[in-house]
All heavy atoms as atom14 arrays in JSON, in Angstrom:
{
  "sequence": "YGRMTAWGQDGPLAPRAAHDINVLALTGALGAI",
  "atom14_mask": [
    [1, 1, 1, 1, 1, 1, 1, 1, 1, 1, 1, 1, 0, 0],
    [1, 1, 1, 1, 0, 0, 0, 0, 0, 0, 0, 0, 0, 0],
    [1, 1, 1, 1, 1, 1, 1, 1, 1, 1, 1, 0, 0, 0],
    [1, 1, 1, 1, 1, 1, 1, 1, 0, 0, 0, 0, 0, 0],
    [1, 1, 1, 1, 1, 1, 1, 0, 0, 0, 0, 0, 0, 0],
    [1, 1, 1, 1, 1, 0, 0, 0, 0, 0, 0, 0, 0, 0],
    [1, 1, 1, 1, 1, 1, 1, 1, 1, 1, 1, 1, 1, 1],
    [1, 1, 1, 1, 0, 0, 0, 0, 0, 0, 0, 0, 0, 0],
    [1, 1, 1, 1, 1, 1, 1, 1, 1, 0, 0, 0, 0, 0],
    [1, 1, 1, 1, 1, 1, 1, 1, 0, 0, 0, 0, 0, 0],
    [1, 1, 1, 1, 0, 0, 0, 0, 0, 0, 0, 0, 0, 0],
    [1, 1, 1, 1, 1, 1, 1, 0, 0, 0, 0, 0, 0, 0],
    [1, 1, 1, 1, 1, 1, 1, 1, 0, 0, 0, 0, 0, 0],
    [1, 1, 1, 1, 1, 0, 0, 0, 0, 0, 0, 0, 0, 0],
    [1, 1, 1, 1, 1, 1, 1, 0, 0, 0, 0, 0, 0, 0],
    [1, 1, 1, 1, 1, 1, 1, 1, 1, 1, 1, 0, 0, 0],
    [1, 1, 1, 1, 1, 0, 0, 0, 0, 0, 0, 0, 0, 0],
    [1, 1, 1, 1, 1, 0, 0, 0, 0, 0, 0, 0, 0, 0],
    [1, 1, 1, 1, 1, 1, 1, 1, 1, 1, 0, 0, 0, 0],
    [1, 1, 1, 1, 1, 1, 1, 1, 0, 0, 0, 0, 0, 0],
    [1, 1, 1, 1, 1, 1, 1, 1, 0, 0, 0, 0, 0, 0],
    [1, 1, 1, 1, 1, 1, 1, 1, 0, 0, 0, 0, 0, 0],
    [1, 1, 1, 1, 1, 1, 1, 0, 0, 0, 0, 0, 0, 0],
    [1, 1, 1, 1, 1, 1, 1, 1, 0, 0, 0, 0, 0, 0],
    [1, 1, 1, 1, 1, 0, 0, 0, 0, 0, 0, 0, 0, 0],
    [1, 1, 1, 1, 1, 1, 1, 1, 0, 0, 0, 0, 0, 0],
    [1, 1, 1, 1, 1, 1, 1, 0, 0, 0, 0, 0, 0, 0],
    [1, 1, 1, 1, 0, 0, 0, 0, 0, 0, 0, 0, 0, 0],
    [1, 1, 1, 1, 1, 0, 0, 0, 0, 0, 0, 0, 0, 0],
    [1, 1, 1, 1, 1, 1, 1, 1, 0, 0, 0, 0, 0, 0],
    [1, 1, 1, 1, 0, 0, 0, 0, 0, 0, 0, 0, 0, 0],
    [1, 1, 1, 1, 1, 0, 0, 0, 0, 0, 0, 0, 0, 0],
    [1, 1, 1, 1, 1, 1, 1, 1, 0, 0, 0, 0, 0, 0]
  ],
  "atom14_positions": [
    [[-11.56, -59.71, -131.89], [-11.99, -60.37, -133.13], [-10.86, -60.33, -134.1], [-10.53, -59.33, -134.71], [-13.25, -59.59, -133.69], [-13.98, -60.29, -134.77], [-15.19, -60.82, -134.58], [-13.49, -60.36, -136.08], [-15.99, -61.48, -135.58], [-14.17, -61.04, -137.08], [-15.43, -61.58, -136.83], [-16.15, -62.25, -137.79], [0.0, 0.0, 0.0], [0.0, 0.0, 0.0]],
    [[-10.15, -61.48, -134.25], [-8.96, -61.55, -135.06], [-9.23, -61.94, -136.51], [-9.77, -63.01, -136.75], [0.0, 0.0, 0.0], [0.0, 0.0, 0.0], [0.0, 0.0, 0.0], [0.0, 0.0, 0.0], [0.0, 0.0, 0.0], [0.0, 0.0, 0.0], [0.0, 0.0, 0.0], [0.0, 0.0, 0.0], [0.0, 0.0, 0.0], [0.0, 0.0, 0.0]],
    [[-8.83, -61.06, -137.47], [-9.06, -61.35, -138.83], [-7.8, -61.6, -139.58], [-6.92, -60.66, -139.52], [-9.84, -60.17, -139.51], [-10.94, -59.63, -138.63], [-11.99, -58.89, -139.38], [-12.88, -59.72, -140.12], [-14.06, -59.26, -140.7], [-14.31, -58.05, -140.66], [-14.8, -60.15, -141.39], [0.0, 0.0, 0.0], [0.0, 0.0, 0.0], [0.0, 0.0, 0.0]],
    [[-7.63, -62.67, -140.21], [-6.44, -63.04, -140.94], [-6.66, -63.09, -142.45], [-7.47, -63.9, -142.9], [-5.96, -64.47, -140.46], [-4.66, -64.93, -141.06], [-3.17, -64.22, -140.32], [-2.77, -62.93, -141.52], [0.0, 0.0, 0.0], [0.0, 0.0, 0.0], [0.0, 0.0, 0.0], [0.0, 0.0, 0.0], [0.0, 0.0, 0.0], [0.0, 0.0, 0.0]],
    [[-6.0, -62.21, -143.18], [-6.14, -62.2, -144.6], [-4.77, -61.96, -145.29], [-3.82, -61.6, -144.54], [-7.08, -61.04, -145.06], [-6.57, -59.79, -144.64], [-8.47, -61.22, -144.54], [0.0, 0.0, 0.0], [0.0, 0.0, 0.0], [0.0, 0.0, 0.0], [0.0, 0.0, 0.0], [0.0, 0.0, 0.0], [0.0, 0.0, 0.0], [0.0, 0.0, 0.0]],
    [[-4.73, -62.08, -146.53], [-3.5, -61.73, -147.32], [-3.26, -60.24, -147.33], [-2.19, -59.83, -147.05], [-3.55, -62.33, -148.68], [0.0, 0.0, 0.0], [0.0, 0.0, 0.0], [0.0, 0.0, 0.0], [0.0, 0.0, 0.0], [0.0, 0.0, 0.0], [0.0, 0.0, 0.0], [0.0, 0.0, 0.0], [0.0, 0.0, 0.0], [0.0, 0.0, 0.0]],
    [[-4.29, -59.44, -147.74], [-4.03, -58.06, -148.07], [-4.65, -57.13, -147.04], [-4.37, -55.9, -147.14], [-4.73, -57.77, -149.41], [-4.23, -58.59, -150.49], [-4.95, -59.55, -151.23], [-2.92, -58.68, -151.07], [-4.2, -60.14, -152.2], [-2.91, -59.68, -152.12], [-1.74, -58.05, -150.82], [-1.77, -59.99, -152.89], [-0.56, -58.32, -151.58], [-0.6, -59.29, -152.58]],
    [[-5.45, -57.6, -146.09], [-6.1, -56.7, -145.09], [-7.57, -56.47, -145.44], [-8.06, -56.98, -146.44], [0.0, 0.0, 0.0], [0.0, 0.0, 0.0], [0.0, 0.0, 0.0], [0.0, 0.0, 0.0], [0.0, 0.0, 0.0], [0.0, 0.0, 0.0], [0.0, 0.0, 0.0], [0.0, 0.0, 0.0], [0.0, 0.0, 0.0], [0.0, 0.0, 0.0]],
    [[-8.22, -55.77, -144.57], [-9.62, -55.53, -144.68], [-9.99, -54.36, -145.61], [-11.18, -54.21, -146.02], [-10.24, -55.29, -143.33], [-10.09, -56.44, -142.37], [-10.84, -57.68, -142.79], [-12.0, -57.63, -143.23], [-10.16, -58.8, -142.8], [0.0, 0.0, 0.0], [0.0, 0.0, 0.0], [0.0, 0.0, 0.0], [0.0, 0.0, 0.0], [0.0, 0.0, 0.0]],
    [[-9.03, -53.61, -146.05], [-9.32, -52.51, -147.02], [-8.19, -52.36, -147.99], [-7.18, -53.06, -147.93], [-9.59, -51.18, -146.24], [-8.41, -50.82, -145.31], [-7.25, -51.09, -145.62], [-8.66, -50.32, -144.22], [0.0, 0.0, 0.0], [0.0, 0.0, 0.0], [0.0, 0.0, 0.0], [0.0, 0.0, 0.0], [0.0, 0.0, 0.0], [0.0, 0.0, 0.0]],
    [[-8.33, -51.47, -148.95], [-7.38, -51.27, -150.01], [-7.83, -52.03, -151.26], [-8.7, -52.91, -151.2], [0.0, 0.0, 0.0], [0.0, 0.0, 0.0], [0.0, 0.0, 0.0], [0.0, 0.0, 0.0], [0.0, 0.0, 0.0], [0.0, 0.0, 0.0], [0.0, 0.0, 0.0], [0.0, 0.0, 0.0], [0.0, 0.0, 0.0], [0.0, 0.0, 0.0]],
    [[-7.32, -51.64, -152.45], [-7.81, -52.21, -153.69], [-7.66, -53.75, -153.8], [-8.41, -54.33, -154.56], [-6.97, -51.47, -154.7], [-5.76, -50.92, -154.02], [-6.23, -50.68, -152.66], [0.0, 0.0, 0.0], [0.0, 0.0, 0.0], [0.0, 0.0, 0.0], [0.0, 0.0, 0.0], [0.0, 0.0, 0.0], [0.0, 0.0, 0.0], [0.0, 0.0, 0.0]],
    [[-6.68, -54.35, -153.13], [-6.5, -55.78, -153.23], [-7.25, -56.57, -152.17], [-7.22, -57.78, -152.21], [-4.99, -56.11, -153.13], [-4.14, -55.68, -154.32], [-2.68, -56.05, -154.04], [-4.59, -56.32, -155.59], [0.0, 0.0, 0.0], [0.0, 0.0, 0.0], [0.0, 0.0, 0.0], [0.0, 0.0, 0.0], [0.0, 0.0, 0.0], [0.0, 0.0, 0.0]],
    [[-7.9, -55.87, -151.21], [-8.54, -56.59, -150.1], [-9.44, -57.73, -150.5], [-9.44, -58.79, -149.92], [-9.32, -55.56, -149.25], [0.0, 0.0, 0.0], [0.0, 0.0, 0.0], [0.0, 0.0, 0.0], [0.0, 0.0, 0.0], [0.0, 0.0, 0.0], [0.0, 0.0, 0.0], [0.0, 0.0, 0.0], [0.0, 0.0, 0.0], [0.0, 0.0, 0.0]],
    [[-10.28, -57.58, -151.59], [-11.16, -58.71, -151.95], [-10.52, -59.79, -152.79], [-11.2, -60.77, -153.12], [-12.27, -58.05, -152.72], [-11.61, -56.79, -153.35], [-10.58, -56.38, -152.36], [0.0, 0.0, 0.0], [0.0, 0.0, 0.0], [0.0, 0.0, 0.0], [0.0, 0.0, 0.0], [0.0, 0.0, 0.0], [0.0, 0.0, 0.0], [0.0, 0.0, 0.0]],
    [[-9.29, -59.61, -153.15], [-8.61, -60.54, -154.08], [-7.98, -61.75, -153.34], [-7.49, -61.62, -152.26], [-7.55, -59.84, -154.87], [-7.98, -58.65, -155.72], [-8.63, -59.1, -157.04], [-9.98, -59.68, -156.88], [-11.06, -58.96, -156.88], [-11.07, -57.65, -156.82], [-12.3, -59.56, -156.77], [0.0, 0.0, 0.0], [0.0, 0.0, 0.0], [0.0, 0.0, 0.0]],
    [[-8.04, -62.9, -153.99], [-7.38, -64.09, -153.49], [-5.88, -63.94, -153.58], [-5.37, -63.23, -154.51], [-7.84, -65.32, -154.25], [0.0, 0.0, 0.0], [0.0, 0.0, 0.0], [0.0, 0.0, 0.0], [0.0, 0.0, 0.0], [0.0, 0.0, 0.0], [0.0, 0.0, 0.0], [0.0, 0.0, 0.0], [0.0, 0.0, 0.0], [0.0, 0.0, 0.0]],
    [[-5.08, -64.6, -152.73], [-3.64, -64.56, -152.82], [-3.08, -65.68, -151.98], [-3.68, -66.12, -151.06], [-3.1, -63.23, -152.37], [0.0, 0.0, 0.0], [0.0, 0.0, 0.0], [0.0, 0.0, 0.0], [0.0, 0.0, 0.0], [0.0, 0.0, 0.0], [0.0, 0.0, 0.0], [0.0, 0.0, 0.0], [0.0, 0.0, 0.0], [0.0, 0.0, 0.0]],
    [[-1.87, -66.05, -152.3], [-1.1, -66.96, -151.45], [0.2, -66.32, -151.07], [0.51, -65.19, -151.48], [-0.88, -68.3, -152.17], [-2.11, -69.14, -152.28], [-2.7, -69.68, -151.18], [-2.88, -69.51, -153.37], [-3.79, -70.38, -151.52], [-3.87, -70.28, -152.85], [0.0, 0.0, 0.0], [0.0, 0.0, 0.0], [0.0, 0.0, 0.0], [0.0, 0.0, 0.0]],
    [[1.03, -67.06, -150.29], [2.26, -66.47, -149.8], [3.11, -65.82, -150.86], [3.58, -64.76, -150.69], [3.05, -67.71, -149.19], [4.29, -67.35, -148.46], [5.28, -66.91, -149.14], [4.33, -67.4, -147.24], [0.0, 0.0, 0.0], [0.0, 0.0, 0.0], [0.0, 0.0, 0.0], [0.0, 0.0, 0.0], [0.0, 0.0, 0.0], [0.0, 0.0, 0.0]],
    [[3.28, -66.52, -152.02], [4.13, -66.03, -153.02], [3.65, -64.65, -153.61], [4.51, -63.78, -154.0], [4.32, -67.04, -154.21], [5.45, -66.69, -155.13], [3.0, -67.25, -154.93], [5.79, -67.83, -156.14], [0.0, 0.0, 0.0], [0.0, 0.0, 0.0], [0.0, 0.0, 0.0], [0.0, 0.0, 0.0], [0.0, 0.0, 0.0], [0.0, 0.0, 0.0]],
    [[2.35, -64.47, -153.68], [1.78, -63.2, -154.17], [2.08, -62.07, -153.27], [2.47, -60.89, -153.65], [0.3, -63.36, -154.38], [-0.05, -64.51, -155.19], [-0.69, -65.45, -154.75], [0.25, -64.51, -156.52], [0.0, 0.0, 0.0], [0.0, 0.0, 0.0], [0.0, 0.0, 0.0], [0.0, 0.0, 0.0], [0.0, 0.0, 0.0], [0.0, 0.0, 0.0]],
    [[1.96, -62.36, -151.92], [2.25, -61.31, -150.99], [3.75, -60.95, -151.01], [4.1, -59.81, -150.95], [1.81, -61.76, -149.5], [2.21, -60.75, -148.49], [0.31, -61.91, -149.49], [0.0, 0.0, 0.0], [0.0, 0.0, 0.0], [0.0, 0.0, 0.0], [0.0, 0.0, 0.0], [0.0, 0.0, 0.0], [0.0, 0.0, 0.0], [0.0, 0.0, 0.0]],
    [[4.6, -61.97, -151.08], [6.03, -61.73, -151.12], [6.41, -60.92, -152.35], [7.27, -60.06, -152.29], [6.79, -63.05, -151.2], [6.7, -63.96, -149.89], [7.6, -65.17, -150.1], [7.09, -63.23, -148.65], [0.0, 0.0, 0.0], [0.0, 0.0, 0.0], [0.0, 0.0, 0.0], [0.0, 0.0, 0.0], [0.0, 0.0, 0.0], [0.0, 0.0, 0.0]],
    [[5.66, -61.15, -153.43], [5.94, -60.39, -154.66], [5.72, -58.85, -154.53], [6.52, -58.09, -154.95], [5.12, -60.97, -155.81], [0.0, 0.0, 0.0], [0.0, 0.0, 0.0], [0.0, 0.0, 0.0], [0.0, 0.0, 0.0], [0.0, 0.0, 0.0], [0.0, 0.0, 0.0], [0.0, 0.0, 0.0], [0.0, 0.0, 0.0], [0.0, 0.0, 0.0]],
    [[4.62, -58.52, -153.85], [4.26, -57.08, -153.78], [4.93, -56.4, -152.55], [4.83, -55.14, -152.51], [2.75, -56.91, -153.66], [1.94, -57.26, -154.96], [0.56, -56.65, -154.9], [2.62, -56.72, -156.17], [0.0, 0.0, 0.0], [0.0, 0.0, 0.0], [0.0, 0.0, 0.0], [0.0, 0.0, 0.0], [0.0, 0.0, 0.0], [0.0, 0.0, 0.0]],
    [[5.55, -57.11, -151.66], [6.31, -56.48, -150.57], [7.72, -56.29, -150.89], [8.51, -55.7, -150.05], [6.16, -57.29, -149.26], [6.63, -58.64, -149.56], [4.74, -57.35, -148.76], [0.0, 0.0, 0.0], [0.0, 0.0, 0.0], [0.0, 0.0, 0.0], [0.0, 0.0, 0.0], [0.0, 0.0, 0.0], [0.0, 0.0, 0.0], [0.0, 0.0, 0.0]],
    [[8.22, -56.82, -152.04], [9.63, -56.7, -152.34], [10.45, -57.84, -151.79], [11.64, -57.97, -152.16], [0.0, 0.0, 0.0], [0.0, 0.0, 0.0], [0.0, 0.0, 0.0], [0.0, 0.0, 0.0], [0.0, 0.0, 0.0], [0.0, 0.0, 0.0], [0.0, 0.0, 0.0], [0.0, 0.0, 0.0], [0.0, 0.0, 0.0], [0.0, 0.0, 0.0]],
    [[9.86, -58.64, -150.95], [10.64, -59.73, -150.38], [11.07, -60.77, -151.37], [12.23, -61.16, -151.4], [9.82, -60.41, -149.26], [0.0, 0.0, 0.0], [0.0, 0.0, 0.0], [0.0, 0.0, 0.0], [0.0, 0.0, 0.0], [0.0, 0.0, 0.0], [0.0, 0.0, 0.0], [0.0, 0.0, 0.0], [0.0, 0.0, 0.0], [0.0, 0.0, 0.0]],
    [[10.16, -61.16, -152.22], [10.49, -62.22, -153.31], [11.49, -61.68, -154.22], [12.47, -62.39, -154.61], [9.21, -62.58, -153.98], [9.39, -63.79, -154.91], [9.75, -65.05, -154.2], [8.07, -64.02, -155.77], [0.0, 0.0, 0.0], [0.0, 0.0, 0.0], [0.0, 0.0, 0.0], [0.0, 0.0, 0.0], [0.0, 0.0, 0.0], [0.0, 0.0, 0.0]],
    [[11.38, -60.4, -154.57], [12.29, -59.82, -155.6], [13.73, -59.62, -155.03], [14.68, -59.31, -155.77], [0.0, 0.0, 0.0], [0.0, 0.0, 0.0], [0.0, 0.0, 0.0], [0.0, 0.0, 0.0], [0.0, 0.0, 0.0], [0.0, 0.0, 0.0], [0.0, 0.0, 0.0], [0.0, 0.0, 0.0], [0.0, 0.0, 0.0], [0.0, 0.0, 0.0]],
    [[13.93, -59.87, -153.7], [15.25, -59.74, -153.1], [15.89, -61.13, -152.87], [17.0, -61.17, -152.34], [15.16, -59.0, -151.8], [0.0, 0.0, 0.0], [0.0, 0.0, 0.0], [0.0, 0.0, 0.0], [0.0, 0.0, 0.0], [0.0, 0.0, 0.0], [0.0, 0.0, 0.0], [0.0, 0.0, 0.0], [0.0, 0.0, 0.0], [0.0, 0.0, 0.0]],
    [[15.24, -62.2, -153.3], [15.71, -63.58, -152.9], [16.17, -64.31, -154.22], [15.5, -64.27, -155.23], [14.58, -64.36, -152.24], [14.2, -63.69, -150.94], [14.99, -65.8, -152.01], [12.97, -64.35, -150.26], [0.0, 0.0, 0.0], [0.0, 0.0, 0.0], [0.0, 0.0, 0.0], [0.0, 0.0, 0.0], [0.0, 0.0, 0.0], [0.0, 0.0, 0.0]]
  ]
}
């Protein structure tokens, strides 16, 4: 059963909407570009 989300099935951000740019922002990837 494959589940695809931005933040995962748990954690404080799990229920929140997000797009590529938001994920890049919190992983440090966007801040390095």
